[in-house]
């Protein structure tokens, strides 16, 4: 008796399909092992580097803001002193 859609698969066809699946699984496992997710140490190193870069950007931004604030304070001091240097 065969299936309604055609002849049933032979034992050889089933074994060939199983062999292809096993080879693909082994190849996938080898690829994942070689290029898989980084180790915990590598992840920590990457996170540390990212945090350092963010800290450097924050420090640079703070420095620029401090310089602008200092410049504004200097400009305000000059405006208060007036043209005669603040003597009255």
N, C-alpha and C. Protein backbone atom coordinates (compact mmCIF):
# COMPACT_ATOMS: atom_id res chain seq x y z
N UNK A 1 0.84 -1.19 0.00
CA UNK A 1 0.00 0.00 0.00
C UNK A 1 0.87 1.24 0.00
N UNK A 2 0.57 2.15 -0.88
CA UNK A 2 1.34 3.38 -0.93
C UNK A 2 0.46 4.54 -0.48
N UNK A 3 1.11 5.63 -0.16
CA UNK A 3 0.38 6.82 0.30
C UNK A 3 -0.42 7.39 -0.86
N UNK A 4 -1.48 8.13 -0.57
CA UNK A 4 -2.34 8.64 -1.63
C UNK A 4 -1.63 9.62 -2.58
N UNK A 5 -0.52 10.21 -2.19
CA UNK A 5 0.14 11.19 -3.05
C UNK A 5 1.23 10.61 -3.91
N UNK A 6 1.53 9.36 -3.81
CA UNK A 6 2.60 8.76 -4.60
C UNK A 6 3.24 7.64 -3.83
N UNK A 7 4.35 7.14 -4.36
CA UNK A 7 5.00 6.01 -3.68
C UNK A 7 5.62 6.43 -2.35
N UNK A 8 5.68 5.50 -1.42
CA UNK A 8 6.26 5.81 -0.11
C UNK A 8 7.78 5.90 -0.24
N UNK A 9 8.42 6.67 0.64
CA UNK A 9 9.86 6.82 0.55
C UNK A 9 10.57 5.50 0.87
N UNK A 10 11.66 5.30 0.17
CA UNK A 10 12.42 4.09 0.43
C UNK A 10 13.31 4.29 1.64
N UNK A 11 13.80 3.19 2.14
CA UNK A 11 14.71 3.28 3.29
C UNK A 11 15.95 4.08 2.93
N UNK A 12 16.46 3.91 1.72
CA UNK A 12 17.65 4.64 1.27
C UNK A 12 17.38 6.14 1.26
N UNK A 13 16.24 6.57 0.78
CA UNK A 13 15.90 7.99 0.74
C UNK A 13 15.82 8.58 2.15
N UNK A 14 15.24 7.83 3.05
CA UNK A 14 15.14 8.29 4.45
C UNK A 14 16.52 8.43 5.06
N UNK A 15 17.40 7.45 4.84
CA UNK A 15 18.75 7.51 5.39
C UNK A 15 19.56 8.67 4.78
N UNK A 16 19.37 8.92 3.50
CA UNK A 16 20.06 10.05 2.86
C UNK A 16 19.60 11.37 3.48
N UNK A 17 18.31 11.50 3.67
CA UNK A 17 17.78 12.71 4.30
C UNK A 17 18.29 12.89 5.71
N UNK A 18 18.33 11.79 6.45
CA UNK A 18 18.85 11.83 7.81
C UNK A 18 20.33 12.22 7.81
N UNK A 19 21.09 11.69 6.87
CA UNK A 19 22.52 12.02 6.76
C UNK A 19 22.72 13.50 6.47
N UNK A 20 21.92 14.04 5.57
CA UNK A 20 22.01 15.47 5.26
C UNK A 20 21.69 16.30 6.51
N UNK A 21 20.69 15.90 7.26
CA UNK A 21 20.31 16.64 8.47
C UNK A 21 21.43 16.59 9.51
N UNK A 22 22.05 15.42 9.67
CA UNK A 22 23.14 15.29 10.65
C UNK A 22 24.33 16.15 10.25
N UNK A 23 24.71 16.09 8.97
CA UNK A 23 25.84 16.89 8.50
C UNK A 23 25.55 18.38 8.68
N UNK A 24 24.34 18.81 8.37
CA UNK A 24 23.98 20.22 8.55
C UNK A 24 24.03 20.60 10.02
N UNK A 25 23.58 19.73 10.89
CA UNK A 25 23.62 20.01 12.33
C UNK A 25 25.04 20.14 12.83
N UNK A 26 25.92 19.23 12.41
CA UNK A 26 27.32 19.29 12.83
C UNK A 26 27.98 20.55 12.29
N UNK A 27 27.71 20.89 11.04
CA UNK A 27 28.29 22.10 10.45
C UNK A 27 27.79 23.34 11.19
N UNK A 28 26.52 23.38 11.53
CA UNK A 28 25.97 24.51 12.28
C UNK A 28 26.58 24.63 13.66
N UNK A 29 26.77 23.49 14.31
CA UNK A 29 27.39 23.51 15.64
C UNK A 29 28.82 23.99 15.56
N UNK A 30 29.57 23.53 14.55
CA UNK A 30 30.96 23.97 14.37
C UNK A 30 31.02 25.47 14.11
N UNK A 31 30.13 25.97 13.26
CA UNK A 31 30.10 27.40 12.97
C UNK A 31 29.77 28.19 14.24
N UNK A 32 28.79 27.74 14.99
CA UNK A 32 28.39 28.45 16.21
C UNK A 32 29.53 28.44 17.22
N UNK A 33 30.23 27.31 17.33
CA UNK A 33 31.35 27.23 18.27
C UNK A 33 32.46 28.18 17.85
N UNK A 34 32.73 28.28 16.56
CA UNK A 34 33.82 29.13 16.06
C UNK A 34 33.46 30.61 16.12
N UNK A 35 32.23 30.95 15.80
CA UNK A 35 31.87 32.37 15.69
C UNK A 35 30.72 32.76 16.60
N UNK A 36 30.38 31.92 17.53
CA UNK A 36 29.22 32.15 18.39
C UNK A 36 29.37 33.39 19.26
N UNK A 37 28.53 33.50 20.24
CA UNK A 37 28.55 34.69 21.09
C UNK A 37 29.88 34.80 21.83
N UNK A 38 30.29 36.03 22.13
CA UNK A 38 31.56 36.22 22.83
C UNK A 38 31.49 35.66 24.25
N UNK A 39 32.66 35.39 24.79
CA UNK A 39 32.70 34.90 26.16
C UNK A 39 32.30 36.02 27.11
N UNK A 40 32.09 35.68 28.35
CA UNK A 40 31.68 36.69 29.34
C UNK A 40 32.75 37.76 29.51
N UNK A 41 34.02 37.35 29.48
CA UNK A 41 35.12 38.31 29.60
C UNK A 41 35.12 39.29 28.43
N UNK A 42 34.89 38.78 27.21
CA UNK A 42 34.86 39.66 26.04
C UNK A 42 33.68 40.61 26.13
N UNK A 43 32.54 40.12 26.60
CA UNK A 43 31.37 41.01 26.75
C UNK A 43 31.67 42.10 27.77
N UNK A 44 32.29 41.71 28.90
CA UNK A 44 32.61 42.70 29.93
C UNK A 44 33.59 43.73 29.40
N UNK A 45 34.59 43.27 28.65
CA UNK A 45 35.56 44.20 28.07
C UNK A 45 34.87 45.18 27.12
N UNK A 46 33.97 44.67 26.29
CA UNK A 46 33.24 45.52 25.37
C UNK A 46 32.38 46.54 26.10
N UNK A 47 31.73 46.10 27.17
CA UNK A 47 30.90 47.03 27.95
C UNK A 47 31.77 48.09 28.62
N UNK A 48 32.94 47.67 29.14
CA UNK A 48 33.84 48.63 29.78
C UNK A 48 34.34 49.67 28.78
N UNK A 49 34.69 49.22 27.57
CA UNK A 49 35.16 50.16 26.55
C UNK A 49 34.05 51.14 26.18
N UNK A 50 32.83 50.65 26.06
CA UNK A 50 31.71 51.51 25.72
C UNK A 50 31.47 52.54 26.82
N UNK A 51 31.54 52.10 28.07
CA UNK A 51 31.34 53.03 29.19
C UNK A 51 32.44 54.08 29.22
N UNK A 52 33.69 53.68 28.93
CA UNK A 52 34.79 54.64 28.90
C UNK A 52 34.56 55.69 27.81
N UNK A 53 34.12 55.24 26.64
CA UNK A 53 33.85 56.18 25.55
C UNK A 53 32.74 57.15 25.94
N UNK A 54 31.69 56.62 26.58
CA UNK A 54 30.59 57.50 27.01
C UNK A 54 31.08 58.49 28.06
N UNK A 55 31.92 58.04 28.98
CA UNK A 55 32.48 58.94 30.00
C UNK A 55 33.33 60.03 29.36
N UNK A 56 34.15 59.66 28.36
CA UNK A 56 34.97 60.65 27.68
C UNK A 56 34.10 61.69 26.98
N UNK A 57 33.04 61.23 26.31
CA UNK A 57 32.13 62.17 25.65
C UNK A 57 31.47 63.09 26.67
N UNK A 58 31.04 62.52 27.79
CA UNK A 58 30.41 63.33 28.84
C UNK A 58 31.40 64.36 29.39
N UNK A 59 32.65 63.93 29.61
CA UNK A 59 33.66 64.85 30.12
C UNK A 59 33.92 65.99 29.13
N UNK A 60 34.01 65.66 27.84
CA UNK A 60 34.22 66.69 26.83
C UNK A 60 33.05 67.65 26.79
N UNK A 61 31.84 67.12 26.88
CA UNK A 61 30.66 67.97 26.85
C UNK A 61 30.62 68.87 28.09
N UNK A 62 30.96 68.32 29.24
CA UNK A 62 31.01 69.11 30.46
C UNK A 62 32.05 70.23 30.34
N UNK A 63 33.19 69.92 29.75
CA UNK A 63 34.25 70.92 29.58
C UNK A 63 33.78 72.06 28.68
N UNK A 64 33.10 71.72 27.60
CA UNK A 64 32.58 72.75 26.70
C UNK A 64 31.54 73.61 27.42
N UNK A 65 30.66 72.98 28.17
CA UNK A 65 29.64 73.73 28.91
C UNK A 65 30.29 74.63 29.96
N UNK A 66 31.32 74.14 30.63
CA UNK A 66 32.04 74.96 31.62
C UNK A 66 32.70 76.16 30.95
N UNK A 67 33.30 75.95 29.79
CA UNK A 67 33.92 77.07 29.08
C UNK A 67 32.89 78.11 28.66
N UNK A 68 31.74 77.66 28.17
CA UNK A 68 30.67 78.60 27.79
C UNK A 68 30.17 79.37 29.01
N UNK A 69 30.01 78.67 30.12
CA UNK A 69 29.55 79.32 31.33
C UNK A 69 30.57 80.35 31.82
N UNK A 70 31.85 79.98 31.78
CA UNK A 70 32.89 80.92 32.17
C UNK A 70 32.89 82.14 31.26
N UNK A 71 32.70 81.92 29.96
CA UNK A 71 32.67 83.04 29.01
C UNK A 71 31.47 83.94 29.30
N UNK A 72 30.31 83.35 29.59
CA UNK A 72 29.14 84.15 29.92
C UNK A 72 29.38 84.96 31.18
N UNK A 73 29.99 84.35 32.19
CA UNK A 73 30.29 85.07 33.43
C UNK A 73 31.24 86.23 33.16
N UNK A 74 32.25 86.00 32.33
CA UNK A 74 33.20 87.08 32.00
C UNK A 74 32.49 88.21 31.26
N UNK A 75 31.61 87.85 30.33
CA UNK A 75 30.86 88.87 29.58
C UNK A 75 29.96 89.67 30.51
N UNK A 76 29.31 89.01 31.46
CA UNK A 76 28.43 89.70 32.39
C UNK A 76 29.24 90.63 33.29
N UNK A 77 30.41 90.19 33.73
CA UNK A 77 31.28 91.04 34.56
C UNK A 77 31.70 92.29 33.80
N UNK A 78 32.02 92.15 32.53
CA UNK A 78 32.41 93.30 31.72
C UNK A 78 31.23 94.25 31.54
N UNK A 79 30.02 93.69 31.36
CA UNK A 79 28.84 94.53 31.19
C UNK A 79 28.55 95.31 32.47
N UNK A 80 28.73 94.71 33.62
CA UNK A 80 28.46 95.37 34.90
C UNK A 80 29.45 96.48 35.17
N UNK A 81 30.70 96.26 34.77
CA UNK A 81 31.73 97.25 35.10
C UNK A 81 31.55 98.52 34.28
N UNK A 82 30.91 98.45 33.14
CA UNK A 82 30.64 99.62 32.33
C UNK A 82 31.89 100.13 31.62
N UNK A 83 31.72 101.25 30.89
CA UNK A 83 32.84 101.77 30.08
C UNK A 83 33.96 102.36 30.92
N UNK A 84 33.71 102.80 32.14
CA UNK A 84 34.75 103.43 32.95
C UNK A 84 35.42 102.45 33.90
N UNK A 85 35.17 101.13 33.71
CA UNK A 85 35.83 100.14 34.53
C UNK A 85 35.19 99.96 35.87
N UNK A 86 33.99 100.47 36.10
CA UNK A 86 33.27 100.24 37.32
C UNK A 86 33.54 101.30 38.38
N UNK A 87 34.36 102.28 38.12
CA UNK A 87 34.62 103.31 39.13
C UNK A 87 33.53 104.35 39.06
N UNK A 88 33.15 104.87 40.15
CA UNK A 88 32.00 105.72 40.16
C UNK A 88 32.24 107.01 40.67
